[in-house]
């Protein structure tokens, strides 16, 4: 698709005006192409601080800017002072400790639709279903101090 088409013929014509279009860019050339395509949000991915500074000047308020990739909590202030609108820090999720969770589920017939779930496959008959924990599982969870 030629991103230089008019707004009437471009990507904006294919989506609701309420939907924002975000484009991920790794170079300043891609930032310019995203601007030409009238992107609402441009994600600056793995760019250096000088590259992001130049991207902010190039965009000049025509789109929202998000800094992402190679972002650390130590860099947040420096990047924020450049003038981007959003900063995504992967360290917030990469360094989070994992929780070991499990869930027992039993299904029942609802409005004439029957559901069968096994450990290796699930089969659905109909278009509506209801899922709830069985009474013994709820009591077992309460006795272990879980909710």
C-alpha atoms as a PDB file:
ATOM      1  CA  UNK A   1       0.000   0.000   0.000  1.00  0.00           C
ATOM      2  CA  UNK A   2       1.313   3.443  -0.883  1.00  0.00           C
ATOM      3  CA  UNK A   3       1.323   5.380   2.398  1.00  0.00           C
ATOM      4  CA  UNK A   4       1.343   8.696   0.545  1.00  0.00           C
ATOM      5  CA  UNK A   5      -2.316   8.401  -0.491  1.00  0.00           C
ATOM      6  CA  UNK A   6      -4.759  10.934   0.830  1.00  0.00           C
ATOM      7  CA  UNK A   7      -6.595  10.462   4.136  1.00  0.00           C
ATOM      8  CA  UNK A   8      -9.693   9.542   2.114  1.00  0.00           C
ATOM      9  CA  UNK A   9      -7.878   6.664   0.369  1.00  0.00           C
ATOM     10  CA  UNK A  10      -5.308   5.727   3.047  1.00  0.00           C
ATOM     11  CA  UNK A  11      -5.430   3.445   6.078  1.00  0.00           C
ATOM     12  CA  UNK A  12      -7.644   5.910   7.940  1.00  0.00           C
ATOM     13  CA  UNK A  13     -10.452   5.250   5.427  1.00  0.00           C
ATOM     14  CA  UNK A  14     -10.533   1.578   6.461  1.00  0.00           C
ATOM     15  CA  UNK A  15     -11.106   2.047  10.196  1.00  0.00           C
ATOM     16  CA  UNK A  16     -13.381   3.930  12.546  1.00  0.00           C
ATOM     17  CA  UNK A  17     -12.315   7.457  13.402  1.00  0.00           C
ATOM     18  CA  UNK A  18     -12.493   6.298  17.027  1.00  0.00           C
ATOM     19  CA  UNK A  19      -9.740   3.729  16.445  1.00  0.00           C
ATOM     20  CA  UNK A  20      -6.145   4.907  16.777  1.00  0.00           C
ATOM     21  CA  UNK A  21      -3.500   3.589  14.427  1.00  0.00           C
ATOM     22  CA  UNK A  22      -0.091   2.920  16.008  1.00  0.00           C
ATOM     23  CA  UNK A  23       3.014   2.241  13.939  1.00  0.00           C
ATOM     24  CA  UNK A  24       6.221   0.751  15.338  1.00  0.00           C
ATOM     25  CA  UNK A  25       9.341   2.434  13.940  1.00  0.00           C
ATOM     26  CA  UNK A  26      13.020   1.610  14.383  1.00  0.00           C
ATOM     27  CA  UNK A  27      14.463   4.330  12.118  1.00  0.00           C
ATOM     28  CA  UNK A  28      13.776   7.991  11.400  1.00  0.00           C
ATOM     29  CA  UNK A  29      12.849   7.056   7.818  1.00  0.00           C
ATOM     30  CA  UNK A  30      10.111   4.809   9.210  1.00  0.00           C
ATOM     31  CA  UNK A  31       8.934   7.666  11.454  1.00  0.00           C
ATOM     32  CA  UNK A  32       8.562   9.874   8.385  1.00  0.00           C
ATOM     33  CA  UNK A  33       6.667   7.108   6.570  1.00  0.00           C
ATOM     34  CA  UNK A  34       4.328   6.735   9.567  1.00  0.00           C
ATOM     35  CA  UNK A  35       3.712  10.488   9.533  1.00  0.00           C
ATOM     36  CA  UNK A  36       2.961  10.344   5.808  1.00  0.00           C
ATOM     37  CA  UNK A  37       0.442   7.568   6.532  1.00  0.00           C
ATOM     38  CA  UNK A  38      -1.142   9.798   9.209  1.00  0.00           C
ATOM     39  CA  UNK A  39      -0.506   7.401  12.095  1.00  0.00           C
ATOM     40  CA  UNK A  40      -2.016   8.532  15.376  1.00  0.00           C
ATOM     41  CA  UNK A  41       0.720   7.029  17.565  1.00  0.00           C
ATOM     42  CA  UNK A  42       4.323   6.258  16.625  1.00  0.00           C
ATOM     43  CA  UNK A  43       6.253   3.783  18.756  1.00  0.00           C
ATOM     44  CA  UNK A  44       9.983   4.555  18.759  1.00  0.00           C
ATOM     45  CA  UNK A  45      11.459   1.088  19.195  1.00  0.00           C
ATOM     46  CA  UNK A  46      15.035   0.569  20.427  1.00  0.00           C
ATOM     47  CA  UNK A  47      16.120   4.068  19.425  1.00  0.00           C
ATOM     48  CA  UNK A  48      19.008   5.903  21.039  1.00  0.00           C
ATOM     49  CA  UNK A  49      18.355   9.098  22.950  1.00  0.00           C
ATOM     50  CA  UNK A  50      19.658  11.284  20.067  1.00  0.00           C
ATOM     51  CA  UNK A  51      17.448   9.392  17.576  1.00  0.00           C
ATOM     52  CA  UNK A  52      14.390   9.885  19.786  1.00  0.00           C
ATOM     53  CA  UNK A  53      15.211  13.590  20.179  1.00  0.00           C
ATOM     54  CA  UNK A  54      15.332  13.911  16.380  1.00  0.00           C
ATOM     55  CA  UNK A  55      12.068  11.951  16.033  1.00  0.00           C
ATOM     56  CA  UNK A  56      10.329  14.331  18.476  1.00  0.00           C
ATOM     57  CA  UNK A  57      11.473  17.288  16.345  1.00  0.00           C
ATOM     58  CA  UNK A  58      10.410  15.547  13.117  1.00  0.00           C
ATOM     59  CA  UNK A  59       6.943  14.654  14.430  1.00  0.00           C
ATOM     60  CA  UNK A  60       6.451  18.105  15.968  1.00  0.00           C
ATOM     61  CA  UNK A  61       3.142  17.186  17.646  1.00  0.00           C
ATOM     62  CA  UNK A  62       1.505  15.599  14.575  1.00  0.00           C
ATOM     63  CA  UNK A  63       1.288  12.215  16.343  1.00  0.00           C
ATOM     64  CA  UNK A  64       1.687  10.857  19.840  1.00  0.00           C
ATOM     65  CA  UNK A  65       5.084   9.286  20.519  1.00  0.00           C
ATOM     66  CA  UNK A  66       5.835   6.215  22.607  1.00  0.00           C
ATOM     67  CA  UNK A  67       9.392   5.263  23.564  1.00  0.00           C
ATOM     68  CA  UNK A  68       9.895   1.525  23.927  1.00  0.00           C
ATOM     69  CA  UNK A  69      12.574  -1.119  23.700  1.00  0.00           C
ATOM     70  CA  UNK A  70      15.906  -1.030  25.495  1.00  0.00           C
ATOM     71  CA  UNK A  71      14.175   1.064  28.144  1.00  0.00           C
ATOM     72  CA  UNK A  72      15.221   0.840  31.772  1.00  0.00           C
ATOM     73  CA  UNK A  73      13.942   2.570  34.872  1.00  0.00           C
ATOM     74  CA  UNK A  74      17.265   4.436  34.996  1.00  0.00           C
ATOM     75  CA  UNK A  75      16.604   5.956  31.515  1.00  0.00           C
ATOM     76  CA  UNK A  76      12.993   7.038  32.109  1.00  0.00           C
ATOM     77  CA  UNK A  77      13.746  10.597  33.255  1.00  0.00           C
ATOM     78  CA  UNK A  78      16.193  11.222  30.409  1.00  0.00           C
ATOM     79  CA  UNK A  79      13.733   9.938  27.791  1.00  0.00           C
ATOM     80  CA  UNK A  80      10.777  11.783  29.337  1.00  0.00           C
ATOM     81  CA  UNK A  81      12.691  15.075  29.109  1.00  0.00           C
ATOM     82  CA  UNK A  82      13.037  14.543  25.339  1.00  0.00           C
ATOM     83  CA  UNK A  83       9.292  15.087  24.947  1.00  0.00           C
ATOM     84  CA  UNK A  84       7.750  11.697  24.152  1.00  0.00           C
ATOM     85  CA  UNK A  85       4.154  11.154  25.277  1.00  0.00           C
ATOM     86  CA  UNK A  86       4.469   7.594  26.607  1.00  0.00           C
ATOM     87  CA  UNK A  87       7.295   5.382  27.848  1.00  0.00           C
ATOM     88  CA  UNK A  88       7.038   1.586  27.979  1.00  0.00           C
ATOM     89  CA  UNK A  89       9.446  -0.111  30.372  1.00  0.00           C
ATOM     90  CA  UNK A  90       9.697  -3.864  29.859  1.00  0.00           C
ATOM     91  CA  UNK A  91      11.664  -4.251  33.086  1.00  0.00           C
ATOM     92  CA  UNK A  92       8.396  -3.860  34.975  1.00  0.00           C
ATOM     93  CA  UNK A  93       7.174  -7.184  33.574  1.00  0.00           C
ATOM     94  CA  UNK A  94      10.479  -8.931  32.767  1.00  0.00           C
ATOM     95  CA  UNK A  95      11.634  -8.785  36.380  1.00  0.00           C
ATOM     96  CA  UNK A  96       8.299  -9.625  38.007  1.00  0.00           C
ATOM     97  CA  UNK A  97       8.339 -12.900  39.894  1.00  0.00           C
ATOM     98  CA  UNK A  98       6.094 -15.649  38.604  1.00  0.00           C
ATOM     99  CA  UNK A  99       3.184 -17.100  40.531  1.00  0.00           C
ATOM    100  CA  UNK A 100       2.299 -20.770  40.260  1.00  0.00           C
ATOM    101  CA  UNK A 101      -1.472 -20.858  39.783  1.00  0.00           C
ATOM    102  CA  UNK A 102      -3.904 -23.590  38.862  1.00  0.00           C
ATOM    103  CA  UNK A 103      -7.649 -23.650  38.417  1.00  0.00           C
ATOM    104  CA  UNK A 104     -10.132 -26.506  38.443  1.00  0.00           C
ATOM    105  CA  UNK A 105     -13.141 -25.882  36.226  1.00  0.00           C
ATOM    106  CA  UNK A 106     -16.330 -27.851  35.798  1.00  0.00           C
ATOM    107  CA  UNK A 107     -18.897 -27.068  33.163  1.00  0.00           C
ATOM    108  CA  UNK A 108     -22.602 -27.673  33.176  1.00  0.00           C
ATOM    109  CA  UNK A 109     -25.455 -27.627  30.724  1.00  0.00           C
ATOM    110  CA  UNK A 110     -26.948 -24.157  30.335  1.00  0.00           C
ATOM    111  CA  UNK A 111     -29.957 -23.311  28.195  1.00  0.00           C
ATOM    112  CA  UNK A 112     -29.745 -26.609  26.358  1.00  0.00           C
ATOM    113  CA  UNK A 113     -26.062 -26.294  25.456  1.00  0.00           C
ATOM    114  CA  UNK A 114     -23.642 -28.938  26.717  1.00  0.00           C
ATOM    115  CA  UNK A 115     -19.927 -28.476  27.339  1.00  0.00           C
ATOM    116  CA  UNK A 116     -17.266 -31.081  27.944  1.00  0.00           C
ATOM    117  CA  UNK A 117     -13.773 -30.150  29.038  1.00  0.00           C
ATOM    118  CA  UNK A 118     -10.902 -32.559  29.512  1.00  0.00           C
ATOM    119  CA  UNK A 119      -7.234 -32.003  30.248  1.00  0.00           C
ATOM    120  CA  UNK A 120      -6.238 -32.371  26.590  1.00  0.00           C
ATOM    121  CA  UNK A 121      -9.189 -30.920  24.678  1.00  0.00           C
ATOM    122  CA  UNK A 122     -12.345 -28.890  24.974  1.00  0.00           C
ATOM    123  CA  UNK A 123     -15.550 -29.392  23.038  1.00  0.00           C
ATOM    124  CA  UNK A 124     -18.367 -26.878  22.900  1.00  0.00           C
ATOM    125  CA  UNK A 125     -21.901 -27.580  21.749  1.00  0.00           C
ATOM    126  CA  UNK A 126     -23.993 -24.478  21.217  1.00  0.00           C
ATOM    127  CA  UNK A 127     -23.142 -20.845  21.663  1.00  0.00           C
ATOM    128  CA  UNK A 128     -23.520 -20.092  25.399  1.00  0.00           C
ATOM    129  CA  UNK A 129     -21.851 -21.554  28.448  1.00  0.00           C
ATOM    130  CA  UNK A 130     -21.412 -21.087  32.161  1.00  0.00           C
ATOM    131  CA  UNK A 131     -18.228 -21.942  34.055  1.00  0.00           C
ATOM    132  CA  UNK A 132     -18.018 -22.261  37.816  1.00  0.00           C
ATOM    133  CA  UNK A 133     -15.791 -24.010  40.330  1.00  0.00           C
ATOM    134  CA  UNK A 134     -17.300 -27.096  41.858  1.00  0.00           C
ATOM    135  CA  UNK A 135     -18.273 -26.901  45.542  1.00  0.00           C
ATOM    136  CA  UNK A 136     -15.528 -29.314  46.759  1.00  0.00           C
ATOM    137  CA  UNK A 137     -12.867 -27.274  44.911  1.00  0.00           C
ATOM    138  CA  UNK A 138     -14.089 -24.039  46.519  1.00  0.00           C
ATOM    139  CA  UNK A 139     -13.951 -25.598  49.988  1.00  0.00           C
ATOM    140  CA  UNK A 140     -10.481 -27.053  49.337  1.00  0.00           C
ATOM    141  CA  UNK A 141      -9.231 -23.603  48.241  1.00  0.00           C
ATOM    142  CA  UNK A 142     -10.696 -21.967  51.381  1.00  0.00           C
ATOM    143  CA  UNK A 143      -9.030 -24.524  53.639  1.00  0.00           C
ATOM    144  CA  UNK A 144      -5.667 -23.719  52.039  1.00  0.00           C
ATOM    145  CA  UNK A 145      -6.196 -19.982  52.691  1.00  0.00           C
ATOM    146  CA  UNK A 146      -6.847 -19.200  49.010  1.00  0.00           C
ATOM    147  CA  UNK A 147      -9.757 -17.313  47.524  1.00  0.00           C
END
